[in-house]
Amino acid sequence: MKNRSNKSKIRVILTAATVVIIVSGFAGIALRELFVQRRLSERYPLSKADIPDIPGELMAFEEIPDPVRIGHESVYDFSVDREGRIYVAGDRSVHIFDSDGSISGKISLPATPSAVKAANDTVYVALSD
């Protein structure tokens, strides 16, 4: 009877030790990746000059020369429709911009949106309720 009880205790201890080792290993890998990525990005910052020129026919979008004032304190998501209009969700509204960056509309919302998606002729906005 004692022999069986001791074997059960040993199995529990070995199982617990194995779980601790595995979890520690995964935590170590995750922490290493977090810190290595941070250090690499600090050591090798990416500038616009580092990005190769991409032929115009391969570009789906082009950069607007002047910065666009979004009008939101916090932005949570954005989407672009087929016409090139940009929908920016944040601060209890969705601002709509033309492809040149000028504002063309605003959708006021009862709560802060968490996502926006322009698909076909419909704009979908996700709210918490």
N, C-alpha and C. Protein backbone atom coordinates (compact mmCIF):
# COMPACT_ATOMS: atom_id res chain seq x y z
N MET A 1 0.81 -1.18 0.00
CA MET A 1 0.00 0.00 0.00
C MET A 1 0.87 1.26 0.00
N LYS A 2 1.92 1.26 0.88
CA LYS A 2 2.81 2.41 0.94
C LYS A 2 3.58 2.58 -0.38
N ASN A 3 3.98 1.48 -0.97
CA ASN A 3 4.72 1.51 -2.22
C ASN A 3 3.90 2.19 -3.31
N ARG A 4 2.61 1.86 -3.39
CA ARG A 4 1.73 2.45 -4.39
C ARG A 4 1.54 3.95 -4.13
N SER A 5 1.44 4.33 -2.87
CA SER A 5 1.27 5.73 -2.49
C SER A 5 2.52 6.54 -2.84
N ASN A 6 3.69 5.96 -2.58
CA ASN A 6 4.95 6.64 -2.90
C ASN A 6 5.11 6.81 -4.41
N LYS A 7 4.73 5.81 -5.17
CA LYS A 7 4.81 5.91 -6.64
C LYS A 7 3.89 7.02 -7.15
N SER A 8 2.70 7.14 -6.57
CA SER A 8 1.77 8.19 -6.98
C SER A 8 2.34 9.56 -6.69
N LYS A 9 2.97 9.71 -5.50
CA LYS A 9 3.57 11.00 -5.14
C LYS A 9 4.71 11.35 -6.09
N ILE A 10 5.52 10.35 -6.41
CA ILE A 10 6.65 10.58 -7.32
C ILE A 10 6.14 10.99 -8.70
N ARG A 11 5.11 10.32 -9.18
CA ARG A 11 4.53 10.68 -10.49
C ARG A 11 4.01 12.11 -10.48
N VAL A 12 3.32 12.50 -9.40
CA VAL A 12 2.78 13.87 -9.30
C VAL A 12 3.93 14.87 -9.30
N ILE A 13 4.97 14.60 -8.53
CA ILE A 13 6.12 15.52 -8.47
C ILE A 13 6.81 15.61 -9.82
N LEU A 14 7.03 14.48 -10.48
CA LEU A 14 7.67 14.50 -11.80
C LEU A 14 6.81 15.23 -12.83
N THR A 15 5.51 15.00 -12.78
CA THR A 15 4.60 15.69 -13.71
C THR A 15 4.64 17.19 -13.48
N ALA A 16 4.58 17.60 -12.21
CA ALA A 16 4.62 19.03 -11.88
C ALA A 16 5.96 19.64 -12.32
N ALA A 17 7.05 18.95 -12.08
CA ALA A 17 8.36 19.45 -12.47
C ALA A 17 8.45 19.59 -14.00
N THR A 18 7.91 18.62 -14.72
CA THR A 18 7.91 18.68 -16.18
C THR A 18 7.11 19.88 -16.68
N VAL A 19 5.95 20.10 -16.09
CA VAL A 19 5.11 21.24 -16.49
C VAL A 19 5.85 22.56 -16.21
N VAL A 20 6.47 22.67 -15.05
CA VAL A 20 7.22 23.88 -14.70
C VAL A 20 8.35 24.12 -15.69
N ILE A 21 9.07 23.08 -16.05
CA ILE A 21 10.18 23.22 -17.01
C ILE A 21 9.67 23.67 -18.37
N ILE A 22 8.58 23.07 -18.84
CA ILE A 22 8.03 23.43 -20.16
C ILE A 22 7.54 24.87 -20.16
N VAL A 23 6.78 25.25 -19.13
CA VAL A 23 6.26 26.62 -19.06
C VAL A 23 7.40 27.62 -18.95
N SER A 24 8.41 27.31 -18.16
CA SER A 24 9.57 28.20 -18.04
C SER A 24 10.28 28.35 -19.38
N GLY A 25 10.39 27.25 -20.10
CA GLY A 25 11.03 27.31 -21.42
C GLY A 25 10.28 28.21 -22.37
N PHE A 26 8.94 28.06 -22.42
CA PHE A 26 8.15 28.92 -23.31
C PHE A 26 8.22 30.38 -22.87
N ALA A 27 8.17 30.63 -21.56
CA ALA A 27 8.28 32.01 -21.07
C ALA A 27 9.64 32.60 -21.43
N GLY A 28 10.68 31.80 -21.29
CA GLY A 28 12.02 32.28 -21.67
C GLY A 28 12.12 32.61 -23.14
N ILE A 29 11.54 31.77 -23.98
CA ILE A 29 11.55 32.02 -25.43
C ILE A 29 10.79 33.30 -25.74
N ALA A 30 9.61 33.48 -25.12
CA ALA A 30 8.80 34.67 -25.38
C ALA A 30 9.54 35.93 -24.94
N LEU A 31 10.14 35.91 -23.76
CA LEU A 31 10.89 37.07 -23.29
C LEU A 31 12.09 37.37 -24.18
N ARG A 32 12.78 36.32 -24.60
CA ARG A 32 13.93 36.51 -25.48
C ARG A 32 13.51 37.17 -26.79
N GLU A 33 12.42 36.69 -27.38
CA GLU A 33 11.94 37.27 -28.63
C GLU A 33 11.56 38.72 -28.45
N LEU A 34 10.91 39.04 -27.33
CA LEU A 34 10.49 40.41 -27.07
C LEU A 34 11.69 41.33 -26.99
N PHE A 35 12.71 40.94 -26.23
CA PHE A 35 13.87 41.79 -26.05
C PHE A 35 14.78 41.81 -27.26
N VAL A 36 14.93 40.70 -27.96
CA VAL A 36 15.77 40.67 -29.15
C VAL A 36 15.17 41.55 -30.22
N GLN A 37 13.85 41.48 -30.43
CA GLN A 37 13.21 42.32 -31.44
C GLN A 37 13.38 43.79 -31.10
N ARG A 38 13.22 44.13 -29.83
CA ARG A 38 13.37 45.53 -29.44
C ARG A 38 14.80 46.00 -29.69
N ARG A 39 15.77 45.20 -29.31
CA ARG A 39 17.15 45.61 -29.51
C ARG A 39 17.51 45.70 -30.99
N LEU A 40 17.01 44.78 -31.79
CA LEU A 40 17.30 44.84 -33.23
C LEU A 40 16.69 46.08 -33.85
N SER A 41 15.46 46.43 -33.47
CA SER A 41 14.85 47.61 -34.06
C SER A 41 15.54 48.89 -33.63
N GLU A 42 16.10 48.88 -32.42
CA GLU A 42 16.85 50.05 -31.98
C GLU A 42 18.20 50.13 -32.68
N ARG A 43 18.82 48.98 -32.90
CA ARG A 43 20.14 48.98 -33.54
C ARG A 43 20.06 49.20 -35.04
N TYR A 44 18.96 48.76 -35.66
CA TYR A 44 18.82 48.87 -37.11
C TYR A 44 17.52 49.59 -37.45
N PRO A 45 17.43 50.90 -37.17
CA PRO A 45 16.18 51.60 -37.49
C PRO A 45 15.98 51.65 -39.01
N LEU A 46 14.74 51.52 -39.42
CA LEU A 46 14.40 51.51 -40.84
C LEU A 46 14.05 52.93 -41.28
N SER A 47 14.74 53.41 -42.27
CA SER A 47 14.42 54.73 -42.82
C SER A 47 13.84 54.56 -44.22
N LYS A 48 13.22 55.61 -44.72
CA LYS A 48 12.61 55.55 -46.05
C LYS A 48 13.65 55.24 -47.13
N ALA A 49 14.89 55.66 -46.91
CA ALA A 49 15.95 55.41 -47.88
C ALA A 49 16.28 53.92 -47.97
N ASP A 50 15.98 53.16 -46.91
CA ASP A 50 16.28 51.73 -46.89
C ASP A 50 15.26 50.91 -47.68
N ILE A 51 14.12 51.50 -47.97
CA ILE A 51 13.06 50.77 -48.68
C ILE A 51 13.31 50.91 -50.18
N PRO A 52 13.37 49.81 -50.89
CA PRO A 52 13.66 49.90 -52.33
C PRO A 52 12.50 50.56 -53.08
N ASP A 53 12.85 51.18 -54.21
CA ASP A 53 11.81 51.75 -55.06
C ASP A 53 10.98 50.64 -55.66
N ILE A 54 9.67 50.79 -55.56
CA ILE A 54 8.74 49.80 -56.10
C ILE A 54 8.09 50.41 -57.32
N PRO A 55 8.08 49.71 -58.44
CA PRO A 55 7.46 50.27 -59.65
C PRO A 55 6.01 50.68 -59.39
N GLY A 56 5.61 51.80 -59.96
CA GLY A 56 4.27 52.36 -59.76
C GLY A 56 3.15 51.39 -60.09
N GLU A 57 3.32 50.56 -61.12
CA GLU A 57 2.25 49.64 -61.51
C GLU A 57 2.00 48.56 -60.47
N LEU A 58 2.95 48.37 -59.53
CA LEU A 58 2.76 47.38 -58.47
C LEU A 58 2.16 47.98 -57.20
N MET A 59 2.06 49.29 -57.16
CA MET A 59 1.55 49.97 -55.97
C MET A 59 0.02 50.02 -56.00
N ALA A 60 -0.59 49.64 -54.88
CA ALA A 60 -2.04 49.71 -54.75
C ALA A 60 -2.46 51.08 -54.23
N PHE A 61 -1.59 51.74 -53.45
CA PHE A 61 -1.90 53.04 -52.88
C PHE A 61 -0.69 53.94 -53.07
N GLU A 62 -0.92 55.24 -53.00
CA GLU A 62 0.21 56.15 -53.05
C GLU A 62 0.17 57.07 -51.84
N GLU A 63 1.33 57.53 -51.44
CA GLU A 63 1.46 58.37 -50.26
C GLU A 63 0.91 59.76 -50.53
N ILE A 64 0.17 60.31 -49.58
CA ILE A 64 -0.32 61.68 -49.67
C ILE A 64 0.83 62.57 -49.22
N PRO A 65 1.17 63.62 -49.99
CA PRO A 65 2.37 64.41 -49.68
C PRO A 65 2.32 65.11 -48.32
N ASP A 66 1.17 65.67 -47.92
CA ASP A 66 1.08 66.39 -46.66
C ASP A 66 0.38 65.52 -45.62
N PRO A 67 0.78 65.64 -44.36
CA PRO A 67 0.11 64.85 -43.33
C PRO A 67 -1.38 65.23 -43.24
N VAL A 68 -2.20 64.24 -42.95
CA VAL A 68 -3.64 64.47 -42.83
C VAL A 68 -3.98 64.59 -41.35
N ARG A 69 -4.72 65.62 -41.00
CA ARG A 69 -5.20 65.77 -39.63
C ARG A 69 -6.42 64.88 -39.48
N ILE A 70 -6.30 63.85 -38.67
CA ILE A 70 -7.34 62.84 -38.53
C ILE A 70 -8.55 63.38 -37.78
N GLY A 71 -8.34 64.17 -36.75
CA GLY A 71 -9.45 64.71 -35.98
C GLY A 71 -9.86 63.84 -34.81
N HIS A 72 -9.16 62.74 -34.59
CA HIS A 72 -9.42 61.86 -33.45
C HIS A 72 -8.25 61.98 -32.48
N GLU A 73 -8.57 61.91 -31.19
CA GLU A 73 -7.50 61.83 -30.20
C GLU A 73 -6.91 60.43 -30.19
N SER A 74 -7.79 59.42 -30.34
CA SER A 74 -7.36 58.02 -30.40
C SER A 74 -7.95 57.36 -31.63
N VAL A 75 -7.13 56.67 -32.38
CA VAL A 75 -7.59 55.95 -33.58
C VAL A 75 -7.52 54.46 -33.27
N TYR A 76 -8.61 53.73 -33.59
CA TYR A 76 -8.66 52.31 -33.29
C TYR A 76 -8.58 51.42 -34.53
N ASP A 77 -8.98 51.94 -35.70
CA ASP A 77 -8.93 51.13 -36.90
C ASP A 77 -9.16 52.05 -38.10
N PHE A 78 -8.84 51.55 -39.28
CA PHE A 78 -9.16 52.27 -40.51
C PHE A 78 -9.41 51.27 -41.61
N SER A 79 -10.06 51.74 -42.67
CA SER A 79 -10.34 50.89 -43.82
C SER A 79 -10.39 51.77 -45.06
N VAL A 80 -10.13 51.17 -46.20
CA VAL A 80 -10.15 51.90 -47.47
C VAL A 80 -11.12 51.18 -48.40
N ASP A 81 -12.02 51.95 -49.04
CA ASP A 81 -12.97 51.32 -49.96
C ASP A 81 -12.43 51.31 -51.39
N ARG A 82 -13.21 50.77 -52.32
CA ARG A 82 -12.76 50.65 -53.72
C ARG A 82 -12.50 51.99 -54.39
N GLU A 83 -13.20 53.03 -53.92
CA GLU A 83 -13.03 54.36 -54.52
C GLU A 83 -11.83 55.11 -53.93
N GLY A 84 -11.17 54.51 -52.95
CA GLY A 84 -10.02 55.14 -52.34
C GLY A 84 -10.36 56.00 -51.13
N ARG A 85 -11.63 56.00 -50.70
CA ARG A 85 -12.01 56.74 -49.50
C ARG A 85 -11.46 56.01 -48.28
N ILE A 86 -11.04 56.79 -47.30
CA ILE A 86 -10.43 56.24 -46.10
C ILE A 86 -11.38 56.47 -44.92
N TYR A 87 -11.70 55.40 -44.19
CA TYR A 87 -12.59 55.46 -43.04
C TYR A 87 -11.73 55.26 -41.79
N VAL A 88 -11.72 56.26 -40.90
CA VAL A 88 -10.89 56.21 -39.70
C VAL A 88 -11.80 56.18 -38.47
N ALA A 89 -11.72 55.12 -37.69
CA ALA A 89 -12.58 54.94 -36.52
C ALA A 89 -11.85 55.33 -35.24
N GLY A 90 -12.52 56.13 -34.42
CA GLY A 90 -11.96 56.52 -33.13
C GLY A 90 -12.85 57.54 -32.45
N ASP A 91 -12.73 57.69 -31.14
CA ASP A 91 -13.42 58.73 -30.38
C ASP A 91 -14.91 58.89 -30.73
N ARG A 92 -15.66 57.82 -30.71
CA ARG A 92 -17.11 57.85 -30.90
C ARG A 92 -17.56 58.36 -32.27
N SER A 93 -16.70 58.16 -33.28
CA SER A 93 -17.08 58.53 -34.64
C SER A 93 -16.18 57.86 -35.67
N VAL A 94 -16.61 57.92 -36.92
CA VAL A 94 -15.80 57.49 -38.05
C VAL A 94 -15.68 58.68 -38.98
N HIS A 95 -14.45 59.12 -39.23
CA HIS A 95 -14.22 60.21 -40.18
C HIS A 95 -13.94 59.60 -41.55
N ILE A 96 -14.49 60.22 -42.58
CA ILE A 96 -14.32 59.73 -43.94
C ILE A 96 -13.49 60.75 -44.72
N PHE A 97 -12.42 60.26 -45.35
CA PHE A 97 -11.53 61.12 -46.12
C PHE A 97 -11.53 60.68 -47.58
N ASP A 98 -11.45 61.66 -48.48
CA ASP A 98 -11.26 61.33 -49.89
C ASP A 98 -9.83 60.86 -50.08
N SER A 99 -9.55 60.30 -51.24
CA SER A 99 -8.21 59.75 -51.50
C SER A 99 -7.12 60.82 -51.46
N ASP A 100 -7.48 62.10 -51.59
CA ASP A 100 -6.47 63.16 -51.52
C ASP A 100 -6.23 63.64 -50.10
N GLY A 101 -6.97 63.08 -49.12
CA GLY A 101 -6.77 63.43 -47.72
C GLY A 101 -7.75 64.45 -47.18
N SER A 102 -8.63 64.98 -48.03
CA SER A 102 -9.62 65.96 -47.55
C SER A 102 -10.80 65.22 -46.92
N ILE A 103 -11.34 65.80 -45.83
CA ILE A 103 -12.43 65.15 -45.13
C ILE A 103 -13.73 65.33 -45.92
N SER A 104 -14.45 64.22 -46.08
CA SER A 104 -15.69 64.28 -46.87
C SER A 104 -16.92 63.89 -46.05
N GLY A 105 -16.74 63.45 -44.81
CA GLY A 105 -17.89 63.10 -44.00
C GLY A 105 -17.50 62.60 -42.63
N LYS A 106 -18.54 62.45 -41.80
CA LYS A 106 -18.33 61.96 -40.44
C LYS A 106 -19.57 61.17 -40.03
N ILE A 107 -19.33 60.01 -39.40
CA ILE A 107 -20.42 59.21 -38.85
C ILE A 107 -20.28 59.27 -37.33
N SER A 108 -21.23 59.91 -36.66
CA SER A 108 -21.22 59.97 -35.20
C SER A 108 -21.77 58.67 -34.64
N LEU A 109 -21.20 58.22 -33.54
CA LEU A 109 -21.57 56.93 -32.95
C LEU A 109 -21.90 57.10 -31.47
N PRO A 110 -22.72 56.21 -30.92
CA PRO A 110 -23.07 56.29 -29.49
C PRO A 110 -21.97 55.77 -28.56
N ALA A 111 -20.96 55.11 -29.11
CA ALA A 111 -19.86 54.56 -28.30
C ALA A 111 -18.59 54.58 -29.13
N THR A 112 -17.48 54.26 -28.49
CA THR A 112 -16.19 54.22 -29.19
C THR A 112 -16.11 52.97 -30.06
N PRO A 113 -15.82 53.14 -31.34
CA PRO A 113 -15.72 51.97 -32.22
C PRO A 113 -14.41 51.22 -32.00
N SER A 114 -14.46 49.90 -32.19
CA SER A 114 -13.24 49.10 -32.06
C SER A 114 -12.72 48.67 -33.43
N ALA A 115 -13.58 48.74 -34.47
CA ALA A 115 -13.14 48.34 -35.81
C ALA A 115 -14.06 48.98 -36.84
N VAL A 116 -13.52 49.14 -38.05
CA VAL A 116 -14.31 49.63 -39.18
C VAL A 116 -13.87 48.86 -40.41
N LYS A 117 -14.82 48.56 -41.30
CA LYS A 117 -14.51 47.84 -42.54
C LYS A 117 -15.42 48.37 -43.64
N ALA A 118 -14.83 48.86 -44.71
CA ALA A 118 -15.57 49.30 -45.89
C ALA A 118 -15.55 48.15 -46.88
N ALA A 119 -16.73 47.63 -47.23
CA ALA A 119 -16.84 46.51 -48.15
C ALA A 119 -18.00 46.76 -49.09
N ASN A 120 -17.73 46.64 -50.38
CA ASN A 120 -18.73 46.93 -51.42
C ASN A 120 -19.27 48.34 -51.19
N ASP A 121 -20.54 48.52 -51.00
CA ASP A 121 -21.10 49.86 -50.76
C ASP A 121 -21.57 50.01 -49.31
N THR A 122 -20.99 49.24 -48.40
CA THR A 122 -21.41 49.26 -47.00
C THR A 122 -20.20 49.49 -46.10
N VAL A 123 -20.44 50.21 -45.00
CA VAL A 123 -19.41 50.43 -44.01
C VAL A 123 -19.87 49.73 -42.73
N TYR A 124 -19.06 48.81 -42.22
CA TYR A 124 -19.36 48.08 -41.00
C TYR A 124 -18.52 48.67 -39.87
N VAL A 125 -19.17 48.95 -38.73
CA VAL A 125 -18.48 49.51 -37.58
C VAL A 125 -18.77 48.62 -36.38
N ALA A 126 -17.74 48.20 -35.67
CA ALA A 126 -17.91 47.36 -34.48
C ALA A 126 -17.89 48.23 -33.23
N LEU A 127 -18.92 48.05 -32.40
CA LEU A 127 -19.01 48.72 -31.12
C LEU A 127 -19.08 47.66 -30.02
N SER A 128 -18.82 48.05 -28.78
CA SER A 128 -18.81 47.06 -27.71
C SER A 128 -20.20 46.53 -27.39
N ASP A 129 -21.25 47.29 -27.61
CA ASP A 129 -22.63 46.81 -27.34
C ASP A 129 -23.40 46.78 -28.63
